PDB file of N, CA and C in Angstrom:
ATOM      1  N   UNK A   1       1.083  -1.107  -0.363  1.00  0.00           N
ATOM      2  CA  UNK A   1      -0.105  -0.021   0.136  1.00  0.00           C
ATOM      3  C   UNK A   1       0.367   1.196  -0.523  1.00  0.00           C
ATOM      4  N   UNK A   2       0.880   2.168  -0.317  1.00  0.00           N
ATOM      5  CA  UNK A   2       1.478   3.064  -1.081  1.00  0.00           C
ATOM      6  C   UNK A   2       1.018   4.362   0.278  1.00  0.00           C
ATOM      7  N   UNK A   3       1.869   5.115   1.264  1.00  0.00           N
ATOM      8  CA  UNK A   3       0.981   5.744   2.435  1.00  0.00           C
ATOM      9  C   UNK A   3       1.432   7.490   1.326  1.00  0.00           C
ATOM     10  N   UNK A   4       0.615   8.157   1.960  1.00  0.00           N
ATOM     11  CA  UNK A   4       0.744   9.522   1.513  1.00  0.00           C
ATOM     12  C   UNK A   4       1.781   9.890   1.786  1.00  0.00           C
ATOM     13  N   UNK A   5       2.182  10.395   1.281  1.00  0.00           N
ATOM     14  CA  UNK A   5       3.155  12.084   1.169  1.00  0.00           C
ATOM     15  C   UNK A   5       3.210  13.284   0.481  1.00  0.00           C
ATOM     16  N   UNK A   6       4.395  14.600   0.948  1.00  0.00           N
ATOM     17  CA  UNK A   6       3.983  15.370   0.189  1.00  0.00           C
ATOM     18  C   UNK A   6       4.350  14.977  -0.732  1.00  0.00           C
ATOM     19  N   UNK A   7       5.631  14.490  -1.093  1.00  0.00           N
ATOM     20  CA  UNK A   7       6.547  14.454  -2.265  1.00  0.00           C
ATOM     21  C   UNK A   7       6.225  13.889  -3.790  1.00  0.00           C
ATOM     22  N   UNK A   8       5.371  12.468  -2.795  1.00  0.00           N
ATOM     23  CA  UNK A   8       4.357  12.135  -4.442  1.00  0.00           C
ATOM     24  C   UNK A   8       3.233  12.610  -5.081  1.00  0.00           C
ATOM     25  N   UNK A   9       2.882  13.916  -4.018  1.00  0.00           N
ATOM     26  CA  UNK A   9       1.536  14.862  -4.872  1.00  0.00           C
ATOM     27  C   UNK A   9       1.795  15.126  -6.128  1.00  0.00           C
ATOM     28  N   UNK A  10       1.058  14.845  -7.379  1.00  0.00           N
ATOM     29  CA  UNK A  10       1.560  15.306  -8.366  1.00  0.00           C
ATOM     30  C   UNK A  10       1.252  17.009  -8.863  1.00  0.00           C
ATOM     31  N   UNK A  11       1.811  17.924  -9.852  1.00  0.00           N
ATOM     32  CA  UNK A  11       1.784  18.958  -9.449  1.00  0.00           C
ATOM     33  C   UNK A  11       0.330  19.292  -9.704  1.00  0.00           C
ATOM     34  N   UNK A  12      -0.451  18.762 -10.946  1.00  0.00           N
ATOM     35  CA  UNK A  12      -1.761  19.137 -10.488  1.00  0.00           C
ATOM     36  C   UNK A  12      -2.559  19.538  -9.276  1.00  0.00           C
ATOM     37  N   UNK A  13      -2.197  18.598  -8.873  1.00  0.00           N
ATOM     38  CA  UNK A  13      -3.086  18.235  -7.134  1.00  0.00           C
ATOM     39  C   UNK A  13      -2.477  19.862  -6.206  1.00  0.00           C
ATOM     40  N   UNK A  14      -1.077  20.288  -6.144  1.00  0.00           N
ATOM     41  CA  UNK A  14      -0.391  21.314  -5.927  1.00  0.00           C
ATOM     42  C   UNK A  14      -1.420  22.234  -6.552  1.00  0.00           C
ATOM     43  N   UNK A  15      -1.106  22.555  -7.958  1.00  0.00           N
ATOM     44  CA  UNK A  15      -1.880  23.717  -8.385  1.00  0.00           C
ATOM     45  C   UNK A  15      -3.464  24.008  -7.128  1.00  0.00           C
ATOM     46  N   UNK A  16      -4.298  22.616  -7.737  1.00  0.00           N
ATOM     47  CA  UNK A  16      -5.518  22.660  -6.949  1.00  0.00           C
ATOM     48  C   UNK A  16      -5.378  22.893  -5.187  1.00  0.00           C
ATOM     49  N   UNK A  17      -4.692  22.701  -5.251  1.00  0.00           N
ATOM     50  CA  UNK A  17      -4.240  22.514  -3.635  1.00  0.00           C
ATOM     51  C   UNK A  17      -4.419  23.335  -2.409  1.00  0.00           C
ATOM     52  N   UNK A  18      -2.907  24.072  -2.913  1.00  0.00           N
ATOM     53  CA  UNK A  18      -2.186  24.523  -2.636  1.00  0.00           C
ATOM     54  C   UNK A  18      -1.384  26.627  -3.505  1.00  0.00           C
ATOM     55  N   UNK A  19      -2.580  27.145  -2.290  1.00  0.00           N
ATOM     56  CA  UNK A  19      -2.709  28.738  -2.123  1.00  0.00           C
ATOM     57  C   UNK A  19      -1.808  29.571  -1.353  1.00  0.00           C
ATOM     58  N   UNK A  20      -0.968  30.107  -2.619  1.00  0.00           N
ATOM     59  CA  UNK A  20      -0.200  30.836  -1.446  1.00  0.00           C
ATOM     60  C   UNK A  20      -0.118  32.275  -1.012  1.00  0.00           C
ATOM     61  N   UNK A  21      -1.148  33.369  -2.076  1.00  0.00           N
ATOM     62  CA  UNK A  21      -1.478  34.236  -1.420  1.00  0.00           C
ATOM     63  C   UNK A  21      -2.844  34.263  -1.605  1.00  0.00           C
ATOM     64  N   UNK A  22      -3.191  35.834  -1.353  1.00  0.00           N
ATOM     65  CA  UNK A  22      -4.969  36.155  -1.069  1.00  0.00           C
ATOM     66  C   UNK A  22      -5.540  35.854  -2.760  1.00  0.00           C
ATOM     67  N   UNK A  23      -4.658  36.706  -3.577  1.00  0.00           N
ATOM     68  CA  UNK A  23      -5.493  36.582  -5.192  1.00  0.00           C
ATOM     69  C   UNK A  23      -5.909  34.771  -5.365  1.00  0.00           C
ATOM     70  N   UNK A  24      -5.002  34.202  -5.145  1.00  0.00           N
ATOM     71  CA  UNK A  24      -5.033  32.829  -5.725  1.00  0.00           C
ATOM     72  C   UNK A  24      -6.803  32.469  -4.844  1.00  0.00           C
ATOM     73  N   UNK A  25      -6.615  32.805  -3.698  1.00  0.00           N
ATOM     74  CA  UNK A  25      -8.009  32.368  -2.932  1.00  0.00           C
ATOM     75  C   UNK A  25      -8.714  32.897  -2.877  1.00  0.00           C
ATOM     76  N   UNK A  26      -9.347  33.682  -3.783  1.00  0.00           N
ATOM     77  CA  UNK A  26      -9.836  34.623  -4.637  1.00  0.00           C
ATOM     78  C   UNK A  26     -10.700  34.025  -5.544  1.00  0.00           C
ATOM     79  N   UNK A  27      -9.610  33.743  -6.644  1.00  0.00           N
ATOM     80  CA  UNK A  27      -9.434  33.675  -7.742  1.00  0.00           C
ATOM     81  C   UNK A  27     -10.638  31.738  -7.583  1.00  0.00           C
ATOM     82  N   UNK A  28      -9.709  31.113  -7.034  1.00  0.00           N
ATOM     83  CA  UNK A  28     -10.586  29.694  -5.863  1.00  0.00           C
ATOM     84  C   UNK A  28     -12.144  29.834  -5.698  1.00  0.00           C
ATOM     85  N   UNK A  29     -12.091  30.851  -5.146  1.00  0.00           N
ATOM     86  CA  UNK A  29     -13.392  31.400  -4.835  1.00  0.00           C
ATOM     87  C   UNK A  29     -14.913  31.532  -5.779  1.00  0.00           C
ATOM     88  N   UNK A  30     -14.189  32.300  -6.721  1.00  0.00           N
ATOM     89  CA  UNK A  30     -14.833  32.784  -7.661  1.00  0.00           C
ATOM     90  C   UNK A  30     -15.072  31.432  -8.602  1.00  0.00           C
ATOM     91  N   UNK A  31     -14.386  30.437  -8.499  1.00  0.00           N
ATOM     92  CA  UNK A  31     -14.364  29.605  -9.843  1.00  0.00           C
ATOM     93  C   UNK A  31     -15.249  28.563  -8.935  1.00  0.00           C
ATOM     94  N   UNK A  32     -15.486  28.344  -7.278  1.00  0.00           N
ATOM     95  CA  UNK A  32     -16.636  27.773  -7.245  1.00  0.00           C
ATOM     96  C   UNK A  32     -17.639  28.004  -7.209  1.00  0.00           C
ATOM     97  N   UNK A  33     -17.781  29.470  -7.220  1.00  0.00           N
ATOM     98  CA  UNK A  33     -19.310  30.537  -7.786  1.00  0.00           C
ATOM     99  C   UNK A  33     -19.452  29.777  -8.948  1.00  0.00           C
ATOM    100  N   UNK A  34     -18.365  29.938 -10.069  1.00  0.00           N
ATOM    101  CA  UNK A  34     -19.061  30.307 -10.960  1.00  0.00           C
ATOM    102  C   UNK A  34     -19.311  28.021 -11.668  1.00  0.00           C
ATOM    103  N   UNK A  35     -18.854  27.191 -10.714  1.00  0.00           N
ATOM    104  CA  UNK A  35     -19.389  26.007 -11.168  1.00  0.00           C
ATOM    105  C   UNK A  35     -20.906  25.782 -10.117  1.00  0.00           C
ATOM    106  N   UNK A  36     -21.174  26.107  -9.316  1.00  0.00           N
ATOM    107  CA  UNK A  36     -22.780  26.506  -8.486  1.00  0.00           C
ATOM    108  C   UNK A  36     -23.234  26.819  -9.277  1.00  0.00           C
ATOM    109  N   UNK A  37     -23.234  28.409  -9.704  1.00  0.00           N
ATOM    110  CA  UNK A  37     -23.856  28.976 -11.074  1.00  0.00           C
ATOM    111  C   UNK A  37     -25.011  28.273 -12.088  1.00  0.00           C
ATOM    112  N   UNK A  38     -23.709  27.685 -12.525  1.00  0.00           N
ATOM    113  CA  UNK A  38     -23.420  26.447 -13.661  1.00  0.00           C
ATOM    114  C   UNK A  38     -24.182  25.522 -13.692  1.00  0.00           C
ATOM    115  N   UNK A  39     -23.665  24.526 -12.000  1.00  0.00           N
ATOM    116  CA  UNK A  39     -24.637  23.553 -12.731  1.00  0.00           C
ATOM    117  C   UNK A  39     -26.001  23.854 -11.836  1.00  0.00           C
ATOM    118  N   UNK A  40     -26.688  24.750 -12.002  1.00  0.00           N
ATOM    119  CA  UNK A  40     -27.839  25.698 -11.063  1.00  0.00           C
ATOM    120  C   UNK A  40     -28.366  25.962 -11.919  1.00  0.00           C
ATOM    121  N   UNK A  41     -28.071  27.040 -13.153  1.00  0.00           N
ATOM    122  CA  UNK A  41     -29.060  27.128 -14.153  1.00  0.00           C
ATOM    123  C   UNK A  41     -28.776  25.570 -15.543  1.00  0.00           C
ATOM    124  N   UNK A  42     -27.745  24.563 -15.029  1.00  0.00           N
ATOM    125  CA  UNK A  42     -28.183  23.989 -15.825  1.00  0.00           C
ATOM    126  C   UNK A  42     -29.351  22.525 -15.483  1.00  0.00           C
ATOM    127  N   UNK A  43     -29.471  22.509 -14.918  1.00  0.00           N
ATOM    128  CA  UNK A  43     -30.447  21.988 -14.079  1.00  0.00           C
ATOM    129  C   UNK A  43     -31.863  22.731 -13.661  1.00  0.00           C
ATOM    130  N   UNK A  44     -32.149  23.900 -14.081  1.00  0.00           N
ATOM    131  CA  UNK A  44     -33.006  24.829 -14.681  1.00  0.00           C
ATOM    132  C   UNK A  44     -32.899  24.697 -15.490  1.00  0.00           C
ATOM    133  N   UNK A  45     -32.337  24.757 -16.968  1.00  0.00           N
ATOM    134  CA  UNK A  45     -32.316  24.620 -18.259  1.00  0.00           C
ATOM    135  C   UNK A  45     -33.758  22.887 -18.185  1.00  0.00           C
ATOM    136  N   UNK A  46     -32.764  22.191 -17.682  1.00  0.00           N
ATOM    137  CA  UNK A  46     -33.330  20.682 -18.173  1.00  0.00           C
ATOM    138  C   UNK A  46     -34.680  20.816 -18.044  1.00  0.00           C
ATOM    139  N   UNK A  47     -34.842  20.789 -16.440  1.00  0.00           N
ATOM    140  CA  UNK A  47     -36.018  21.531 -15.888  1.00  0.00           C
ATOM    141  C   UNK A  47     -37.128  21.990 -17.126  1.00  0.00           C
ATOM    142  N   UNK A  48     -36.988  23.505 -18.131  1.00  0.00           N
ATOM    143  CA  UNK A  48     -37.539  24.214 -18.082  1.00  0.00           C
ATOM    144  C   UNK A  48     -37.639  23.311 -19.726  1.00  0.00           C
ATOM    145  N   UNK A  49     -36.205  22.415 -20.406  1.00  0.00           N
ATOM    146  CA  UNK A  49     -37.062  21.964 -21.441  1.00  0.00           C
ATOM    147  C   UNK A  49     -37.726  20.743 -21.264  1.00  0.00           C
ATOM    148  N   UNK A  50     -37.917  19.689 -19.952  1.00  0.00           N
ATOM    149  CA  UNK A  50     -38.337  19.173 -20.038  1.00  0.00           C
ATOM    150  C   UNK A  50     -40.192  19.362 -19.833  1.00  0.00           C
ATOM    151  N   UNK A  51     -39.951  20.254 -19.136  1.00  0.00           N
ATOM    152  CA  UNK A  51     -41.305  20.692 -19.525  1.00  0.00           C
ATOM    153  C   UNK A  51     -42.202  21.531 -20.574  1.00  0.00           C
ATOM    154  N   UNK A  52     -41.665  21.739 -21.412  1.00  0.00           N
ATOM    155  CA  UNK A  52     -41.525  21.860 -22.460  1.00  0.00           C
ATOM    156  C   UNK A  52     -42.193  20.963 -23.408  1.00  0.00           C
ATOM    157  N   UNK A  53     -41.311  19.728 -23.439  1.00  0.00           N
ATOM    158  CA  UNK A  53     -41.753  18.517 -24.050  1.00  0.00           C
ATOM    159  C   UNK A  53     -42.871  17.330 -23.187  1.00  0.00           C
ATOM    160  N   UNK A  54     -42.644  17.472 -21.998  1.00  0.00           N
ATOM    161  CA  UNK A  54     -44.249  17.375 -21.889  1.00  0.00           C
ATOM    162  C   UNK A  54     -45.192  18.256 -21.960  1.00  0.00           C
ATOM    163  N   UNK A  55     -45.640  18.940 -22.328  1.00  0.00           N
ATOM    164  CA  UNK A  55     -46.494  19.878 -23.214  1.00  0.00           C
ATOM    165  C   UNK A  55     -46.688  19.050 -24.103  1.00  0.00           C
TER     166      UNK A  55
END
């Protein structure tokens, strides 16, 4: 079994999880809000199309 260590983390994992400045944290927060809003809009769109097709 492989044990977790800081050394065997991928570069992508470092980019995603390591925030070294307030600007990086702010960008990550906006990315999170963007994903949440996109998911909400997609679900509204799917529901609207479902209602149109059902009539």
